[in-house]
PDB file of all heavy atoms in Angstrom:
ATOM      1  N   TYR A   1       4.348  -6.750  17.364  1.00  0.00           N
ATOM      2  CA  TYR A   1       3.356  -7.917  17.134  1.00  0.00           C
ATOM      3  C   TYR A   1       3.356  -8.145  15.634  1.00  0.00           C
ATOM      4  O   TYR A   1       3.655  -7.287  14.778  1.00  0.00           O
ATOM      5  CB  TYR A   1       1.987  -7.632  17.719  1.00  0.00           C
ATOM      6  CG  TYR A   1       1.441  -6.251  17.323  1.00  0.00           C
ATOM      7  CD1 TYR A   1       1.010  -5.947  16.062  1.00  0.00           C
ATOM      8  CD2 TYR A   1       1.450  -5.236  18.286  1.00  0.00           C
ATOM      9  CE1 TYR A   1       0.473  -4.748  15.744  1.00  0.00           C
ATOM     10  CE2 TYR A   1       0.964  -3.932  17.990  1.00  0.00           C
ATOM     11  CZ  TYR A   1       0.465  -3.762  16.666  1.00  0.00           C
ATOM     12  OH  TYR A   1      -0.102  -2.451  16.385  1.00  0.00           O
ATOM     13  N   PRO A   2       2.987  -9.401  15.316  1.00  0.00           N
ATOM     14  CA  PRO A   2       2.932  -9.792  13.854  1.00  0.00           C
ATOM     15  C   PRO A   2       1.989  -8.799  13.078  1.00  0.00           C
ATOM     16  O   PRO A   2       0.842  -8.610  13.514  1.00  0.00           O
ATOM     17  CB  PRO A   2       2.450 -11.262  13.814  1.00  0.00           C
ATOM     18  CG  PRO A   2       2.863 -11.677  15.130  1.00  0.00           C
ATOM     19  CD  PRO A   2       2.739 -10.547  16.139  1.00  0.00           C
ATOM     20  N   GLY A   3       2.510  -8.268  12.033  1.00  0.00           N
ATOM     21  CA  GLY A   3       1.571  -7.419  11.150  1.00  0.00           C
ATOM     22  C   GLY A   3       1.952  -5.925  11.389  1.00  0.00           C
ATOM     23  O   GLY A   3       1.461  -5.052  10.609  1.00  0.00           O
ATOM     24  N   ALA A   4       2.690  -5.510  12.395  1.00  0.00           N
ATOM     25  CA  ALA A   4       2.961  -4.068  12.715  1.00  0.00           C
ATOM     26  C   ALA A   4       3.781  -3.456  11.687  1.00  0.00           C
ATOM     27  O   ALA A   4       3.511  -2.220  11.298  1.00  0.00           O
ATOM     28  CB  ALA A   4       3.657  -3.973  14.155  1.00  0.00           C
ATOM     29  N   THR A   5       4.784  -4.110  11.108  1.00  0.00           N
ATOM     30  CA  THR A   5       5.708  -3.462  10.074  1.00  0.00           C
ATOM     31  C   THR A   5       4.908  -2.988   8.860  1.00  0.00           C
ATOM     32  O   THR A   5       4.860  -1.857   8.540  1.00  0.00           O
ATOM     33  CB  THR A   5       6.796  -4.375   9.578  1.00  0.00           C
ATOM     34  OG1 THR A   5       7.619  -4.849  10.678  1.00  0.00           O
ATOM     35  CG2 THR A   5       7.576  -3.887   8.492  1.00  0.00           C
ATOM     36  N   GLU A   6       4.043  -3.936   8.312  1.00  0.00           N
ATOM     37  CA  GLU A   6       3.212  -3.627   7.136  1.00  0.00           C
ATOM     38  C   GLU A   6       1.948  -2.833   7.426  1.00  0.00           C
ATOM     39  O   GLU A   6       1.339  -2.068   6.656  1.00  0.00           O
ATOM     40  CB  GLU A   6       2.958  -4.863   6.354  1.00  0.00           C
ATOM     41  CG  GLU A   6       4.268  -5.404   5.634  1.00  0.00           C
ATOM     42  CD  GLU A   6       4.130  -6.924   5.336  1.00  0.00           C
ATOM     43  OE1 GLU A   6       3.993  -7.785   6.199  1.00  0.00           O
ATOM     44  OE2 GLU A   6       4.124  -7.162   4.097  1.00  0.00           O
ATOM     45  N   GLY A   7       1.387  -3.062   8.507  1.00  0.00           N
ATOM     46  CA  GLY A   7       0.064  -2.509   9.007  1.00  0.00           C
ATOM     47  C   GLY A   7       0.177  -1.177   9.679  1.00  0.00           C
ATOM     48  O   GLY A   7      -0.702  -0.354   9.604  1.00  0.00           O
ATOM     49  N   ASP A   8       1.339  -0.971  10.525  1.00  0.00           N
ATOM     50  CA  ASP A   8       1.484   0.225  11.248  1.00  0.00           C
ATOM     51  C   ASP A   8       2.473   1.201  10.716  1.00  0.00           C
ATOM     52  O   ASP A   8       2.304   2.436  10.654  1.00  0.00           O
ATOM     53  CB  ASP A   8       1.661  -0.027  12.743  1.00  0.00           C
ATOM     54  CG  ASP A   8       0.536  -0.803  13.420  1.00  0.00           C
ATOM     55  OD1 ASP A   8      -0.374  -0.116  13.894  1.00  0.00           O
ATOM     56  OD2 ASP A   8       0.512  -2.010  13.413  1.00  0.00           O
ATOM     57  N   CYS A   9       3.634   0.624  10.385  1.00  0.00           N
ATOM     58  CA  CYS A   9       4.794   1.409   9.960  1.00  0.00           C
ATOM     59  C   CYS A   9       4.680   1.831   8.465  1.00  0.00           C
ATOM     60  O   CYS A   9       4.938   3.026   8.198  1.00  0.00           O
ATOM     61  CB  CYS A   9       6.103   0.664  10.228  1.00  0.00           C
ATOM     62  SG  CYS A   9       6.288   0.329  11.937  1.00  0.00           S
ATOM     63  N   VAL A  10       4.383   0.952   7.589  1.00  0.00           N
ATOM     64  CA  VAL A  10       4.424   1.147   6.142  1.00  0.00           C
ATOM     65  C   VAL A  10       3.421   2.391   5.825  1.00  0.00           C
ATOM     66  O   VAL A  10       3.772   3.236   4.943  1.00  0.00           O
ATOM     67  CB  VAL A  10       4.133  -0.074   5.337  1.00  0.00           C
ATOM     68  CG1 VAL A  10       3.695   0.378   3.933  1.00  0.00           C
ATOM     69  CG2 VAL A  10       5.357  -0.946   5.234  1.00  0.00           C
ATOM     70  N   PRO A  11       2.181   2.342   6.305  1.00  0.00           N
ATOM     71  CA  PRO A  11       1.296   3.470   6.078  1.00  0.00           C
ATOM     72  C   PRO A  11       1.880   4.851   6.444  1.00  0.00           C
ATOM     73  O   PRO A  11       1.678   5.922   5.759  1.00  0.00           O
ATOM     74  CB  PRO A  11       0.044   3.253   6.899  1.00  0.00           C
ATOM     75  CG  PRO A  11       0.124   1.742   6.941  1.00  0.00           C
ATOM     76  CD  PRO A  11       1.480   1.327   7.079  1.00  0.00           C
ATOM     77  N   ILE A  12       2.671   4.853   7.503  1.00  0.00           N
ATOM     78  CA  ILE A  12       3.304   6.149   7.925  1.00  0.00           C
ATOM     79  C   ILE A  12       4.352   6.547   6.849  1.00  0.00           C
ATOM     80  O   ILE A  12       4.479   7.743   6.470  1.00  0.00           O
ATOM     81  CB  ILE A  12       4.048   5.990   9.346  1.00  0.00           C
ATOM     82  CG1 ILE A  12       2.970   5.666  10.371  1.00  0.00           C
ATOM     83  CG2 ILE A  12       4.832   7.312   9.615  1.00  0.00           C
ATOM     84  CD1 ILE A  12       1.952   6.706  10.628  1.00  0.00           C
ATOM     85  N   LEU A  13       5.122   5.523   6.443  1.00  0.00           N
ATOM     86  CA  LEU A  13       6.153   5.801   5.384  1.00  0.00           C
ATOM     87  C   LEU A  13       5.532   6.389   4.109  1.00  0.00           C
ATOM     88  O   LEU A  13       5.993   7.260   3.468  1.00  0.00           O
ATOM     89  CB  LEU A  13       6.824   4.522   5.086  1.00  0.00           C
ATOM     90  CG  LEU A  13       7.843   3.916   6.220  1.00  0.00           C
ATOM     91  CD1 LEU A  13       8.352   2.625   5.849  1.00  0.00           C
ATOM     92  CD2 LEU A  13       8.895   4.828   6.532  1.00  0.00           C
ATOM     93  N   GLU A  14       4.451   5.701   3.704  1.00  0.00           N
ATOM     94  CA  GLU A  14       3.667   6.242   2.513  1.00  0.00           C
ATOM     95  C   GLU A  14       3.203   7.618   2.662  1.00  0.00           C
ATOM     96  O   GLU A  14       3.292   8.400   1.820  1.00  0.00           O
ATOM     97  CB  GLU A  14       2.428   5.272   2.230  1.00  0.00           C
ATOM     98  CG  GLU A  14       2.852   3.850   1.641  1.00  0.00           C
ATOM     99  CD  GLU A  14       1.714   2.948   1.279  1.00  0.00           C
ATOM    100  OE1 GLU A  14       0.728   2.970   2.036  1.00  0.00           O
ATOM    101  OE2 GLU A  14       1.797   2.313   0.271  1.00  0.00           O
ATOM    102  N   LYS A  15       2.497   7.844   3.822  1.00  0.00           N
ATOM    103  CA  LYS A  15       1.964   9.220   4.072  1.00  0.00           C
ATOM    104  C   LYS A  15       3.036  10.336   3.959  1.00  0.00           C
ATOM    105  O   LYS A  15       2.726  11.363   3.358  1.00  0.00           O
ATOM    106  CB  LYS A  15       1.347   9.179   5.498  1.00  0.00           C
ATOM    107  CG  LYS A  15       0.733  10.529   5.828  1.00  0.00           C
ATOM    108  CD  LYS A  15       0.176  10.503   7.324  1.00  0.00           C
ATOM    109  CE  LYS A  15      -0.277  11.843   7.801  1.00  0.00           C
ATOM    110  NZ  LYS A  15      -0.751  11.762   9.274  1.00  0.00           N
ATOM    111  N   PHE A  16       4.250  10.061   4.608  1.00  0.00           N
ATOM    112  CA  PHE A  16       5.206  11.155   4.736  1.00  0.00           C
ATOM    113  C   PHE A  16       6.129  11.270   3.449  1.00  0.00           C
ATOM    114  O   PHE A  16       6.745  12.260   3.230  1.00  0.00           O
ATOM    115  CB  PHE A  16       5.978  11.011   6.014  1.00  0.00           C
ATOM    116  CG  PHE A  16       5.219  11.510   7.166  1.00  0.00           C
ATOM    117  CD1 PHE A  16       4.405  10.655   7.921  1.00  0.00           C
ATOM    118  CD2 PHE A  16       5.382  12.850   7.653  1.00  0.00           C
ATOM    119  CE1 PHE A  16       3.702  11.109   9.026  1.00  0.00           C
ATOM    120  CE2 PHE A  16       4.749  13.275   8.747  1.00  0.00           C
ATOM    121  CZ  PHE A  16       3.912  12.435   9.459  1.00  0.00           C
ATOM    122  N   SER A  17       6.123  10.164   2.668  1.00  0.00           N
ATOM    123  CA  SER A  17       6.998  10.263   1.480  1.00  0.00           C
ATOM    124  C   SER A  17       6.183  10.482   0.191  1.00  0.00           C
ATOM    125  O   SER A  17       6.764  10.955  -0.727  1.00  0.00           O
ATOM    126  CB  SER A  17       7.759   8.937   1.385  1.00  0.00           C
ATOM    127  OG  SER A  17       6.739   7.761   1.096  1.00  0.00           O
ATOM    128  N   GLY A  18       4.906  10.205   0.295  1.00  0.00           N
ATOM    129  CA  GLY A  18       4.107  10.329  -0.926  1.00  0.00           C
ATOM    130  C   GLY A  18       4.432   9.144  -1.924  1.00  0.00           C
ATOM    131  O   GLY A  18       3.868   9.240  -3.072  1.00  0.00           O
ATOM    132  N   LEU A  19       5.070   8.101  -1.459  1.00  0.00           N
ATOM    133  CA  LEU A  19       5.482   7.041  -2.305  1.00  0.00           C
ATOM    134  C   LEU A  19       4.614   5.778  -2.111  1.00  0.00           C
ATOM    135  O   LEU A  19       3.998   5.660  -1.032  1.00  0.00           O
ATOM    136  CB  LEU A  19       6.939   6.504  -2.124  1.00  0.00           C
ATOM    137  CG  LEU A  19       7.986   7.718  -2.388  1.00  0.00           C
ATOM    138  CD1 LEU A  19       9.341   7.223  -1.975  1.00  0.00           C
ATOM    139  CD2 LEU A  19       7.967   8.120  -3.864  1.00  0.00           C
ATOM    140  N   LYS A  20       4.665   4.804  -3.091  1.00  0.00           N
ATOM    141  CA  LYS A  20       3.814   3.649  -2.941  1.00  0.00           C
ATOM    142  C   LYS A  20       4.559   2.388  -2.466  1.00  0.00           C
ATOM    143  O   LYS A  20       5.702   2.160  -3.116  1.00  0.00           O
ATOM    144  CB  LYS A  20       3.114   3.338  -4.325  1.00  0.00           C
ATOM    145  CG  LYS A  20       2.134   2.257  -4.364  1.00  0.00           C
ATOM    146  CD  LYS A  20       0.849   2.549  -3.767  1.00  0.00           C
ATOM    147  CE  LYS A  20      -0.144   1.497  -4.063  1.00  0.00           C
ATOM    148  NZ  LYS A  20      -1.499   1.696  -3.307  1.00  0.00           N
ATOM    149  N   PHE A  21       4.148   1.743  -1.501  1.00  0.00           N
ATOM    150  CA  PHE A  21       4.803   0.511  -0.910  1.00  0.00           C
ATOM    151  C   PHE A  21       4.901  -0.594  -1.953  1.00  0.00           C
ATOM    152  O   PHE A  21       3.950  -0.843  -2.675  1.00  0.00           O
ATOM    153  CB  PHE A  21       4.112   0.064   0.294  1.00  0.00           C
ATOM    154  CG  PHE A  21       4.524  -1.190   0.981  1.00  0.00           C
ATOM    155  CD1 PHE A  21       5.988  -1.325   1.233  1.00  0.00           C
ATOM    156  CD2 PHE A  21       3.830  -2.202   1.224  1.00  0.00           C
ATOM    157  CE1 PHE A  21       6.546  -2.353   1.839  1.00  0.00           C
ATOM    158  CE2 PHE A  21       4.303  -3.402   1.854  1.00  0.00           C
ATOM    159  CZ  PHE A  21       5.664  -3.442   2.073  1.00  0.00           C
ATOM    160  N   ASN A  22       5.988  -1.259  -2.014  1.00  0.00           N
ATOM    161  CA  ASN A  22       6.324  -2.326  -2.979  1.00  0.00           C
ATOM    162  C   ASN A  22       6.262  -1.944  -4.419  1.00  0.00           C
ATOM    163  O   ASN A  22       6.313  -2.795  -5.275  1.00  0.00           O
ATOM    164  CB  ASN A  22       5.449  -3.549  -2.705  1.00  0.00           C
ATOM    165  CG  ASN A  22       5.956  -4.385  -1.502  1.00  0.00           C
ATOM    166  OD1 ASN A  22       7.093  -4.303  -1.149  1.00  0.00           O
ATOM    167  ND2 ASN A  22       5.125  -5.362  -1.073  1.00  0.00           N
ATOM    168  N   GLN A  23       6.156  -0.604  -4.694  1.00  0.00           N
ATOM    169  CA  GLN A  23       6.204  -0.064  -5.943  1.00  0.00           C
ATOM    170  C   GLN A  23       7.408   0.910  -6.068  1.00  0.00           C
ATOM    171  O   GLN A  23       8.312   0.801  -6.962  1.00  0.00           O
ATOM    172  CB  GLN A  23       4.913   0.515  -6.425  1.00  0.00           C
ATOM    173  CG  GLN A  23       4.906   1.098  -7.799  1.00  0.00           C
ATOM    174  CD  GLN A  23       3.590   1.622  -8.198  1.00  0.00           C
ATOM    175  OE1 GLN A  23       2.519   0.922  -8.038  1.00  0.00           O
ATOM    176  NE2 GLN A  23       3.497   2.910  -8.620  1.00  0.00           N
ATOM    177  N   ASP A  24       7.373   1.806  -5.169  1.00  0.00           N
ATOM    178  CA  ASP A  24       8.474   2.895  -5.143  1.00  0.00           C
ATOM    179  C   ASP A  24       9.459   2.554  -4.022  1.00  0.00           C
ATOM    180  O   ASP A  24      10.635   2.877  -4.304  1.00  0.00           O
ATOM    181  CB  ASP A  24       7.796   4.227  -4.793  1.00  0.00           C
ATOM    182  CG  ASP A  24       6.871   4.702  -5.850  1.00  0.00           C
ATOM    183  OD1 ASP A  24       6.986   4.492  -7.074  1.00  0.00           O
ATOM    184  OD2 ASP A  24       5.672   5.194  -5.453  1.00  0.00           O
ATOM    185  N   PHE A  25       9.020   2.039  -2.940  1.00  0.00           N
ATOM    186  CA  PHE A  25       9.913   1.630  -1.821  1.00  0.00           C
ATOM    187  C   PHE A  25       9.536   0.367  -1.314  1.00  0.00           C
ATOM    188  O   PHE A  25       8.477  -0.215  -1.533  1.00  0.00           O
ATOM    189  CB  PHE A  25       9.945   2.728  -0.763  1.00  0.00           C
ATOM    190  CG  PHE A  25       8.734   2.706   0.154  1.00  0.00           C
ATOM    191  CD1 PHE A  25       8.661   2.027   1.329  1.00  0.00           C
ATOM    192  CD2 PHE A  25       7.665   3.454  -0.216  1.00  0.00           C
ATOM    193  CE1 PHE A  25       7.623   2.025   2.097  1.00  0.00           C
ATOM    194  CE2 PHE A  25       6.466   3.473   0.598  1.00  0.00           C
ATOM    195  CZ  PHE A  25       6.413   2.698   1.752  1.00  0.00           C
ATOM    196  N   PHE A  26      10.531  -0.291  -0.493  1.00  0.00           N
ATOM    197  CA  PHE A  26      10.264  -1.557  -0.044  1.00  0.00           C
ATOM    198  C   PHE A  26      10.630  -1.642   1.516  1.00  0.00           C
ATOM    199  O   PHE A  26      11.137  -0.839   2.009  1.00  0.00           O
ATOM    200  CB  PHE A  26      11.140  -2.677  -0.752  1.00  0.00           C
ATOM    201  CG  PHE A  26      10.884  -2.469  -2.295  1.00  0.00           C
ATOM    202  CD1 PHE A  26      11.667  -1.619  -3.068  1.00  0.00           C
ATOM    203  CD2 PHE A  26       9.878  -3.282  -2.928  1.00  0.00           C
ATOM    204  CE1 PHE A  26      11.423  -1.474  -4.372  1.00  0.00           C
ATOM    205  CE2 PHE A  26       9.625  -3.092  -4.301  1.00  0.00           C
ATOM    206  CZ  PHE A  26      10.508  -2.188  -5.078  1.00  0.00           C
ATOM    207  N   ALA A  27      10.185  -2.850   2.121  1.00  0.00           N
ATOM    208  CA  ALA A  27      10.466  -3.043   3.579  1.00  0.00           C
ATOM    209  C   ALA A  27      11.019  -4.361   3.876  1.00  0.00           C
ATOM    210  O   ALA A  27      10.755  -5.352   3.090  1.00  0.00           O
ATOM    211  CB  ALA A  27       9.124  -2.830   4.288  1.00  0.00           C
ATOM    212  N   GLY A  28      11.608  -4.399   4.995  1.00  0.00           N
ATOM    213  CA  GLY A  28      12.222  -5.749   5.388  1.00  0.00           C
ATOM    214  C   GLY A  28      12.046  -5.750   6.984  1.00  0.00           C
ATOM    215  O   GLY A  28      11.798  -4.730   7.534  1.00  0.00           O
TER     216      GLY A  28
END
């Protein structure tokens, strides 16, 4: 659904990597 990538997936990436979205890593 619209918003899932940035709202549901990105926080998981941040949590397990310790990195900051759109600063350390990026999404498409």
